[in-house]
Amino acid sequence: MKIGLYFGTYNPIHVGHLIIANHMAEFADLDQIWMVVTPHNPLKKKATLLDDHHRLQMVYLATEEYPKIKPSDIEFKLPQPNYTVITLAHLQEKYPNHEFSLIMGEDNLKTLHKWRNYEVILENHDIYVYPRISDEPENVELKSHPKIHVIDAPIVEISSTFIRNSIKEGKNIHPLLPPKVWEYIDHNNFYKK
């Protein structure tokens, strides 16, 4: 089974994340998308970052109706800070019959060469890239690598930061969130301060 790993803090998960995940599930040669919730670094206490279990719960709520998209807490159990190369090795060991690929925005591809052991990742895993608007110069060498697959996905310019700030300002951002995620945020009074 080919699994696309879509990493994020998902603070909160929004329709942009789902559009990309669903597009990859339907139009790339992937069987499932695992939305890997990145735990917060205990050394960097970010006031706006909800606890891991709340962010994982929102991903569960958002993906319930998408059989090809699954939430994953795999990084919760790994040493901090998380490095993608370690997560991939752990997953490969735990699920030897699965083939794991990464899903990332074009902006992340431009800095991939700065990742720990990025050469090992490129050697062993495909990377599916969705377009992002960015001022960073393109990494042409990486983009033409045989393991890099640029997918013609919709460009979604919604950010979790924008959503958090809008909630704090009392704006109606319901259309940007899956309904159950909005209810969960509203019920728990998240992001209002």
Protein backbone atom coordinates (compact mmCIF):
# COMPACT_ATOMS: atom_id res chain seq x y z
CA MET A 1 0.00 0.00 0.00
CA LYS A 2 1.29 3.47 -0.92
CA ILE A 3 0.86 5.93 1.92
CA GLY A 4 1.32 9.68 1.54
CA LEU A 5 2.41 11.33 4.79
CA TYR A 6 1.09 14.86 5.17
CA PHE A 7 2.78 16.43 8.23
CA GLY A 8 1.46 19.47 10.07
CA THR A 9 0.67 20.98 13.43
CA TYR A 10 -2.97 21.28 12.26
CA ASN A 11 -3.57 24.14 14.67
CA PRO A 12 -6.36 23.97 13.56
CA ILE A 13 -6.93 21.71 10.57
CA HIS A 14 -8.89 23.65 7.91
CA VAL A 15 -10.53 23.08 4.52
CA GLY A 16 -7.25 23.93 2.74
CA HIS A 17 -5.57 20.92 4.38
CA LEU A 18 -8.50 18.70 3.35
CA ILE A 19 -8.51 20.00 -0.24
CA ILE A 20 -4.81 19.10 -0.59
CA ALA A 21 -5.11 15.73 1.20
CA ASN A 22 -8.16 14.72 -0.82
CA HIS A 23 -6.56 15.86 -4.08
CA MET A 24 -3.51 13.70 -3.33
CA ALA A 25 -5.73 10.74 -2.40
CA GLU A 26 -7.76 11.02 -5.61
CA PHE A 27 -5.28 12.26 -8.24
CA ALA A 28 -1.82 11.01 -7.18
CA ASP A 29 -0.92 7.31 -7.22
CA LEU A 30 -1.37 7.03 -3.44
CA ASP A 31 -3.74 4.61 -1.69
CA GLN A 32 -4.09 6.55 1.56
CA ILE A 33 -3.08 9.86 3.07
CA TRP A 34 -2.00 9.88 6.71
CA MET A 35 -2.26 13.32 8.28
CA VAL A 36 0.62 13.21 10.76
CA VAL A 37 -0.02 15.59 13.66
CA THR A 38 3.31 17.07 14.73
CA PRO A 39 3.67 17.31 18.51
CA HIS A 40 4.80 20.57 19.97
CA ASN A 41 8.37 20.81 21.10
CA PRO A 42 8.30 20.85 24.92
CA LEU A 43 11.19 23.31 24.88
CA LYS A 44 9.20 25.78 22.80
CA LYS A 45 5.95 26.46 24.64
CA LYS A 46 3.84 28.28 22.09
CA ALA A 47 0.80 29.86 23.67
CA THR A 48 -1.22 29.47 20.45
CA LEU A 49 -0.41 25.77 19.95
CA LEU A 50 -3.14 23.57 21.37
CA ASP A 51 -2.26 20.37 23.20
CA ASP A 52 -1.47 17.44 20.97
CA HIS A 53 -4.65 15.49 21.81
CA HIS A 54 -6.90 18.44 20.87
CA ARG A 55 -5.22 18.88 17.49
CA LEU A 56 -5.39 15.12 16.84
CA GLN A 57 -9.08 15.10 17.78
CA MET A 58 -9.78 17.90 15.28
CA VAL A 59 -8.03 15.89 12.54
CA TYR A 60 -10.22 12.87 13.47
CA LEU A 61 -13.35 15.03 13.25
CA ALA A 62 -12.27 16.56 9.93
CA THR A 63 -11.41 13.27 8.22
CA GLU A 64 -14.27 11.01 9.42
CA GLU A 65 -16.03 11.15 6.06
CA TYR A 66 -12.87 10.60 3.96
CA PRO A 67 -12.06 6.86 3.87
CA LYS A 68 -8.68 7.43 2.17
CA ILE A 69 -7.52 10.02 4.74
CA LYS A 70 -6.42 8.91 8.23
CA PRO A 71 -5.18 10.86 11.26
CA SER A 72 -1.82 9.76 12.68
CA ASP A 73 -0.23 10.39 16.06
CA ILE A 74 2.93 8.42 15.18
CA GLU A 75 5.24 11.31 16.13
CA PHE A 76 3.71 11.59 19.62
CA LYS A 77 5.59 8.41 20.56
CA LEU A 78 8.97 9.38 19.08
CA PRO A 79 11.81 11.33 20.72
CA GLN A 80 11.70 15.11 20.49
CA PRO A 81 12.54 17.08 18.46
CA ASN A 82 11.04 15.16 15.54
CA TYR A 83 13.07 14.61 12.42
CA THR A 84 11.25 13.35 9.34
CA VAL A 85 14.04 10.89 8.52
CA ILE A 86 13.58 9.22 11.96
CA THR A 87 9.79 9.12 11.58
CA LEU A 88 10.12 7.50 8.15
CA ALA A 89 12.55 4.86 9.47
CA HIS A 90 10.20 4.10 12.37
CA LEU A 91 7.17 3.76 10.06
CA GLN A 92 9.07 1.55 7.62
CA GLU A 93 10.03 -0.75 10.50
CA LYS A 94 6.50 -0.80 11.95
CA TYR A 95 4.75 -1.28 8.57
CA PRO A 96 7.21 -3.17 6.34
CA ASN A 97 4.54 -3.85 3.67
CA HIS A 98 3.73 -0.17 3.17
CA GLU A 99 5.56 2.26 0.92
CA PHE A 100 5.78 5.71 2.49
CA SER A 101 5.99 8.99 0.58
CA LEU A 102 6.00 12.60 1.74
CA ILE A 103 3.50 15.28 0.78
CA MET A 104 4.78 18.83 1.01
CA GLY A 105 4.18 22.31 -0.30
CA GLU A 106 6.49 23.76 -2.91
CA ASP A 107 7.78 26.18 -0.26
CA ASN A 108 9.09 23.23 1.82
CA LEU A 109 10.74 21.65 -1.21
CA LYS A 110 12.84 24.81 -1.57
CA THR A 111 14.36 24.20 1.88
CA LEU A 112 14.52 20.39 1.73
CA HIS A 113 18.32 20.52 1.35
CA LYS A 114 18.45 21.93 4.92
CA TRP A 115 16.60 18.92 6.43
CA ARG A 116 18.50 16.37 8.48
CA ASN A 117 19.66 13.52 6.19
CA TYR A 118 17.54 14.78 3.31
CA GLU A 119 19.60 12.66 0.91
CA VAL A 120 18.44 9.50 2.73
CA ILE A 121 14.83 10.66 2.43
CA LEU A 122 15.23 11.30 -1.30
CA GLU A 123 16.97 7.99 -1.86
CA ASN A 124 14.22 5.94 -0.20
CA HIS A 125 10.97 7.89 -0.53
CA ASP A 126 8.96 9.67 -3.19
CA ILE A 127 7.94 13.24 -2.48
CA TYR A 128 4.65 14.63 -3.77
CA VAL A 129 4.71 18.40 -4.05
CA TYR A 130 1.69 20.70 -4.26
CA PRO A 131 2.01 24.28 -5.53
CA ARG A 132 2.36 27.23 -3.17
CA ILE A 133 2.80 30.93 -3.87
CA SER A 134 6.24 31.91 -2.64
CA ASP A 135 8.96 34.52 -3.18
CA GLU A 136 11.73 31.97 -2.52
CA PRO A 137 13.85 31.08 -5.55
CA GLU A 138 13.06 27.68 -7.06
CA ASN A 139 15.33 24.71 -6.41
CA VAL A 140 15.43 23.49 -10.02
CA GLU A 141 17.86 20.67 -9.25
CA LEU A 142 15.54 19.18 -6.62
CA LYS A 143 12.40 19.75 -8.69
CA SER A 144 13.81 17.61 -11.51
CA HIS A 145 14.87 14.78 -9.16
CA PRO A 146 13.24 11.44 -10.17
CA LYS A 147 11.74 10.99 -6.68
CA ILE A 148 9.99 14.40 -6.78
CA HIS A 149 6.48 14.45 -8.24
CA VAL A 150 4.94 17.88 -8.70
CA ILE A 151 1.16 17.46 -8.56
CA ASP A 152 -1.13 19.92 -10.28
CA ALA A 153 -3.21 20.51 -7.15
CA PRO A 154 -5.28 23.61 -6.37
CA ILE A 155 -3.36 26.50 -4.82
CA VAL A 156 -4.92 27.05 -1.41
CA GLU A 157 -3.92 30.20 0.43
CA ILE A 158 -5.56 29.58 3.80
CA SER A 159 -3.40 29.44 6.90
CA SER A 160 -4.06 28.23 10.42
CA THR A 161 -2.50 31.49 11.67
CA PHE A 162 -5.09 33.50 9.74
CA ILE A 163 -7.88 31.34 11.21
CA ARG A 164 -6.59 31.67 14.79
CA ASN A 165 -6.23 35.47 14.44
CA SER A 166 -9.70 35.75 12.89
CA ILE A 167 -11.29 33.77 15.73
CA LYS A 168 -9.51 36.01 18.23
CA GLU A 169 -10.96 39.04 16.43
CA GLY A 170 -14.47 37.55 16.54
CA LYS A 171 -14.73 37.05 12.75
CA ASN A 172 -16.99 34.45 11.18
CA ILE A 173 -14.63 31.93 9.56
CA HIS A 174 -17.04 28.96 9.47
CA PRO A 175 -16.54 28.32 5.72
CA LEU A 176 -12.79 27.77 6.30
CA LEU A 177 -13.27 24.92 8.79
CA PRO A 178 -15.00 21.53 8.61
CA PRO A 179 -18.27 21.95 10.59
CA LYS A 180 -17.32 19.50 13.38
CA VAL A 181 -13.94 21.22 13.79
CA TRP A 182 -15.65 24.59 14.15
CA GLU A 183 -18.02 23.13 16.78
CA TYR A 184 -15.08 21.63 18.69
CA ILE A 185 -13.16 24.94 18.65
CA ASP A 186 -16.26 26.93 19.64
CA HIS A 187 -17.29 24.49 22.39
CA ASN A 188 -13.79 24.60 23.93
CA ASN A 189 -13.35 28.38 23.46
CA PHE A 190 -10.06 27.82 21.61
CA TYR A 191 -8.07 30.66 20.07
CA LYS A 192 -10.32 33.38 21.54
CA LYS A 193 -7.65 34.96 23.74
